[in-house]
Amino acid sequence: MSEKRELLDEVETLFTPKRSLDLNYFLYVLLTLAFVGMFAFPKIYITEQIYFKSRDIAKLKVEYDTLKEEHKLISASVESIKFKNQILDTLF
């Protein structure tokens, strides 16, 4: 009876081998994660840098537009003052 049991155990191990988590498997998983990380990290970093630069550019554009409008108002004010000075100089 024990011979039958031994034969059945051997046949079972042949058909369903038990895979243990050895060092090679661990290194393979670690290498795969490192490989994926090498490609994912630069993309994330570049995307983040583009986001922050575009945010800075948008802020500077708003400031530029504001300064442009202020320039128009100041130019109009200067023209008005020049016109008043020319009229007042001609009257006196």
N, C-alpha and C. Protein backbone atom coordinates (compact mmCIF):
# COMPACT_ATOMS: atom_id res chain seq x y z
N MET A 1 0.82 -1.19 0.00
CA MET A 1 0.00 0.00 0.00
C MET A 1 0.87 1.25 0.00
N SER A 2 1.97 1.21 0.66
CA SER A 2 2.82 2.38 0.68
C SER A 2 3.48 2.60 -0.68
N GLU A 3 3.72 1.54 -1.43
CA GLU A 3 4.29 1.69 -2.77
C GLU A 3 3.30 2.41 -3.69
N LYS A 4 2.03 2.08 -3.56
CA LYS A 4 1.00 2.75 -4.35
C LYS A 4 0.94 4.23 -4.00
N ARG A 5 1.02 4.50 -2.71
CA ARG A 5 0.96 5.88 -2.24
C ARG A 5 2.16 6.66 -2.76
N GLU A 6 3.34 6.04 -2.75
CA GLU A 6 4.55 6.70 -3.25
C GLU A 6 4.43 6.98 -4.74
N LEU A 7 3.91 6.02 -5.50
CA LEU A 7 3.71 6.22 -6.93
C LEU A 7 2.71 7.34 -7.20
N LEU A 8 1.63 7.36 -6.46
CA LEU A 8 0.64 8.42 -6.63
C LEU A 8 1.22 9.79 -6.28
N ASP A 9 2.04 9.85 -5.24
CA ASP A 9 2.68 11.12 -4.87
C ASP A 9 3.63 11.60 -5.95
N GLU A 10 4.38 10.67 -6.54
CA GLU A 10 5.31 11.03 -7.61
C GLU A 10 4.56 11.50 -8.86
N VAL A 11 3.48 10.84 -9.20
CA VAL A 11 2.67 11.23 -10.36
C VAL A 11 2.05 12.60 -10.10
N GLU A 12 1.59 12.79 -8.87
CA GLU A 12 0.99 14.08 -8.53
C GLU A 12 2.01 15.21 -8.63
N THR A 13 3.21 14.97 -8.19
CA THR A 13 4.25 16.01 -8.29
C THR A 13 4.63 16.27 -9.74
N LEU A 14 4.52 15.27 -10.59
CA LEU A 14 4.82 15.48 -12.01
C LEU A 14 3.77 16.33 -12.69
N PHE A 15 2.51 16.09 -12.37
CA PHE A 15 1.43 16.83 -13.00
C PHE A 15 1.19 18.21 -12.38
N THR A 16 1.39 18.34 -11.12
CA THR A 16 1.19 19.62 -10.44
C THR A 16 2.45 19.97 -9.63
N PRO A 17 3.43 20.48 -10.32
CA PRO A 17 4.65 20.82 -9.57
C PRO A 17 4.39 22.06 -8.71
N LYS A 18 4.90 22.01 -7.51
CA LYS A 18 4.73 23.14 -6.61
C LYS A 18 5.84 24.14 -6.89
N ARG A 19 5.42 25.34 -7.14
CA ARG A 19 6.40 26.40 -7.44
C ARG A 19 6.62 27.21 -6.17
N SER A 20 7.84 27.25 -5.75
CA SER A 20 8.16 28.03 -4.56
C SER A 20 8.71 29.39 -5.00
N LEU A 21 8.56 30.35 -4.16
CA LEU A 21 9.05 31.69 -4.46
C LEU A 21 10.52 31.76 -4.07
N ASP A 22 11.35 31.49 -5.04
CA ASP A 22 12.78 31.49 -4.76
C ASP A 22 13.40 32.85 -5.09
N LEU A 23 14.69 32.95 -4.93
CA LEU A 23 15.40 34.21 -5.14
C LEU A 23 15.35 34.66 -6.60
N ASN A 24 15.40 33.73 -7.53
CA ASN A 24 15.34 34.11 -8.95
C ASN A 24 14.00 34.76 -9.31
N TYR A 25 12.93 34.22 -8.78
CA TYR A 25 11.61 34.79 -9.04
C TYR A 25 11.51 36.19 -8.45
N PHE A 26 12.02 36.36 -7.23
CA PHE A 26 12.02 37.67 -6.58
C PHE A 26 12.84 38.68 -7.39
N LEU A 27 14.00 38.29 -7.87
CA LEU A 27 14.83 39.18 -8.68
C LEU A 27 14.16 39.53 -10.00
N TYR A 28 13.47 38.56 -10.59
CA TYR A 28 12.75 38.80 -11.84
C TYR A 28 11.65 39.85 -11.64
N VAL A 29 10.89 39.72 -10.55
CA VAL A 29 9.83 40.68 -10.25
C VAL A 29 10.43 42.05 -9.97
N LEU A 30 11.50 42.09 -9.20
CA LEU A 30 12.16 43.35 -8.87
C LEU A 30 12.72 44.02 -10.13
N LEU A 31 13.31 43.26 -11.00
CA LEU A 31 13.84 43.79 -12.26
C LEU A 31 12.72 44.32 -13.15
N THR A 32 11.60 43.61 -13.19
CA THR A 32 10.45 44.06 -13.99
C THR A 32 9.90 45.38 -13.45
N LEU A 33 9.78 45.49 -12.13
CA LEU A 33 9.30 46.74 -11.54
C LEU A 33 10.26 47.89 -11.79
N ALA A 34 11.55 47.62 -11.72
CA ALA A 34 12.54 48.66 -11.99
C ALA A 34 12.47 49.10 -13.45
N PHE A 35 12.26 48.16 -14.35
CA PHE A 35 12.17 48.47 -15.78
C PHE A 35 10.94 49.33 -16.07
N VAL A 36 9.81 48.97 -15.45
CA VAL A 36 8.59 49.77 -15.63
C VAL A 36 8.78 51.15 -15.02
N GLY A 37 9.42 51.22 -13.87
CA GLY A 37 9.67 52.49 -13.21
C GLY A 37 10.57 53.39 -14.02
N MET A 38 11.55 52.80 -14.73
CA MET A 38 12.44 53.61 -15.56
C MET A 38 11.69 54.33 -16.67
N PHE A 39 10.65 53.72 -17.17
CA PHE A 39 9.88 54.36 -18.23
C PHE A 39 8.76 55.24 -17.70
N ALA A 40 8.23 54.91 -16.54
CA ALA A 40 7.11 55.68 -16.00
C ALA A 40 7.58 56.95 -15.31
N PHE A 41 8.69 56.90 -14.59
CA PHE A 41 9.15 58.07 -13.83
C PHE A 41 9.45 59.27 -14.71
N PRO A 42 10.21 59.13 -15.81
CA PRO A 42 10.46 60.32 -16.64
C PRO A 42 9.19 60.94 -17.20
N LYS A 43 8.23 60.11 -17.59
CA LYS A 43 6.98 60.65 -18.13
C LYS A 43 6.24 61.45 -17.07
N ILE A 44 6.17 60.91 -15.86
CA ILE A 44 5.50 61.62 -14.77
C ILE A 44 6.23 62.91 -14.46
N TYR A 45 7.56 62.86 -14.41
CA TYR A 45 8.35 64.04 -14.09
C TYR A 45 8.18 65.12 -15.15
N ILE A 46 8.25 64.74 -16.41
CA ILE A 46 8.13 65.72 -17.50
C ILE A 46 6.72 66.31 -17.52
N THR A 47 5.71 65.49 -17.32
CA THR A 47 4.33 65.99 -17.29
C THR A 47 4.13 66.99 -16.15
N GLU A 48 4.72 66.68 -14.99
CA GLU A 48 4.60 67.59 -13.85
C GLU A 48 5.32 68.90 -14.13
N GLN A 49 6.48 68.84 -14.74
CA GLN A 49 7.23 70.06 -15.05
C GLN A 49 6.48 70.92 -16.07
N ILE A 50 5.88 70.29 -17.06
CA ILE A 50 5.09 71.01 -18.05
C ILE A 50 3.91 71.70 -17.38
N TYR A 51 3.26 71.01 -16.45
CA TYR A 51 2.12 71.60 -15.73
C TYR A 51 2.54 72.84 -14.97
N PHE A 52 3.64 72.75 -14.20
CA PHE A 52 4.07 73.89 -13.41
C PHE A 52 4.53 75.05 -14.29
N LYS A 53 5.22 74.76 -15.39
CA LYS A 53 5.65 75.83 -16.30
C LYS A 53 4.44 76.50 -16.95
N SER A 54 3.45 75.72 -17.36
CA SER A 54 2.27 76.31 -17.99
C SER A 54 1.49 77.15 -16.99
N ARG A 55 1.49 76.74 -15.73
CA ARG A 55 0.83 77.53 -14.69
C ARG A 55 1.55 78.86 -14.50
N ASP A 56 2.89 78.83 -14.51
CA ASP A 56 3.66 80.07 -14.40
C ASP A 56 3.43 80.97 -15.61
N ILE A 57 3.37 80.38 -16.79
CA ILE A 57 3.15 81.14 -18.01
C ILE A 57 1.77 81.80 -17.98
N ALA A 58 0.76 81.08 -17.52
CA ALA A 58 -0.59 81.65 -17.44
C ALA A 58 -0.61 82.82 -16.46
N LYS A 59 0.09 82.68 -15.35
CA LYS A 59 0.15 83.77 -14.37
C LYS A 59 0.83 85.00 -14.97
N LEU A 60 1.95 84.78 -15.69
CA LEU A 60 2.65 85.89 -16.31
C LEU A 60 1.81 86.54 -17.41
N LYS A 61 1.02 85.74 -18.13
CA LYS A 61 0.17 86.29 -19.19
C LYS A 61 -0.91 87.18 -18.60
N VAL A 62 -1.48 86.77 -17.47
CA VAL A 62 -2.48 87.60 -16.80
C VAL A 62 -1.85 88.92 -16.36
N GLU A 63 -0.65 88.85 -15.78
CA GLU A 63 0.04 90.07 -15.37
C GLU A 63 0.36 90.95 -16.58
N TYR A 64 0.76 90.35 -17.69
CA TYR A 64 1.08 91.10 -18.90
C TYR A 64 -0.16 91.81 -19.43
N ASP A 65 -1.28 91.09 -19.47
CA ASP A 65 -2.53 91.71 -19.95
C ASP A 65 -2.95 92.87 -19.04
N THR A 66 -2.78 92.70 -17.74
CA THR A 66 -3.12 93.76 -16.79
C THR A 66 -2.25 94.99 -17.02
N LEU A 67 -0.95 94.75 -17.17
CA LEU A 67 -0.03 95.86 -17.41
C LEU A 67 -0.31 96.55 -18.75
N LYS A 68 -0.71 95.78 -19.73
CA LYS A 68 -1.05 96.36 -21.03
C LYS A 68 -2.26 97.30 -20.91
N GLU A 69 -3.26 96.87 -20.16
CA GLU A 69 -4.44 97.71 -19.95
C GLU A 69 -4.07 98.96 -19.15
N GLU A 70 -3.24 98.80 -18.13
CA GLU A 70 -2.80 99.96 -17.35
C GLU A 70 -2.02 100.94 -18.24
N HIS A 71 -1.22 100.40 -19.14
CA HIS A 71 -0.47 101.24 -20.07
C HIS A 71 -1.41 102.06 -20.96
N LYS A 72 -2.47 101.41 -21.43
CA LYS A 72 -3.45 102.13 -22.25
C LYS A 72 -4.09 103.26 -21.46
N LEU A 73 -4.48 102.97 -20.20
CA LEU A 73 -5.11 104.00 -19.37
C LEU A 73 -4.13 105.15 -19.08
N ILE A 74 -2.90 104.82 -18.78
CA ILE A 74 -1.91 105.86 -18.48
C ILE A 74 -1.60 106.67 -19.74
N SER A 75 -1.50 106.00 -20.88
CA SER A 75 -1.26 106.72 -22.13
C SER A 75 -2.39 107.68 -22.44
N ALA A 76 -3.62 107.24 -22.21
CA ALA A 76 -4.77 108.12 -22.44
C ALA A 76 -4.73 109.30 -21.47
N SER A 77 -4.34 109.04 -20.23
CA SER A 77 -4.25 110.11 -19.25
C SER A 77 -3.15 111.11 -19.64
N VAL A 78 -2.03 110.61 -20.10
CA VAL A 78 -0.93 111.49 -20.54
C VAL A 78 -1.36 112.32 -21.74
N GLU A 79 -2.04 111.71 -22.66
CA GLU A 79 -2.53 112.47 -23.83
C GLU A 79 -3.51 113.56 -23.40
N SER A 80 -4.36 113.23 -22.45
CA SER A 80 -5.32 114.22 -21.95
C SER A 80 -4.59 115.38 -21.29
N ILE A 81 -3.58 115.09 -20.49
CA ILE A 81 -2.81 116.14 -19.82
C ILE A 81 -2.05 116.98 -20.84
N LYS A 82 -1.48 116.33 -21.85
CA LYS A 82 -0.77 117.07 -22.90
C LYS A 82 -1.72 118.00 -23.64
N PHE A 83 -2.91 117.49 -23.94
CA PHE A 83 -3.89 118.30 -24.65
C PHE A 83 -4.30 119.51 -23.81
N LYS A 84 -4.53 119.29 -22.50
CA LYS A 84 -4.89 120.41 -21.62
C LYS A 84 -3.76 121.42 -21.55
N ASN A 85 -2.52 120.95 -21.46
CA ASN A 85 -1.39 121.87 -21.39
C ASN A 85 -1.24 122.68 -22.68
N GLN A 86 -1.46 122.05 -23.82
CA GLN A 86 -1.35 122.78 -25.09
C GLN A 86 -2.44 123.83 -25.20
N ILE A 87 -3.63 123.49 -24.76
CA ILE A 87 -4.74 124.45 -24.83
C ILE A 87 -4.51 125.58 -23.85
N LEU A 88 -4.10 125.24 -22.63
CA LEU A 88 -3.86 126.30 -21.64
C LEU A 88 -2.68 127.18 -22.04
N ASP A 89 -1.65 126.62 -22.69
CA ASP A 89 -0.51 127.44 -23.12
C ASP A 89 -0.92 128.40 -24.23
N THR A 90 -1.82 127.97 -25.07
CA THR A 90 -2.24 128.85 -26.18
C THR A 90 -3.18 129.93 -25.68
N LEU A 91 -3.93 129.68 -24.61
CA LEU A 91 -4.84 130.68 -24.10
C LEU A 91 -4.09 131.81 -23.37
N PHE A 92 -3.01 131.49 -22.70
CA PHE A 92 -2.29 132.52 -21.95
C PHE A 92 -1.10 132.90 -22.69
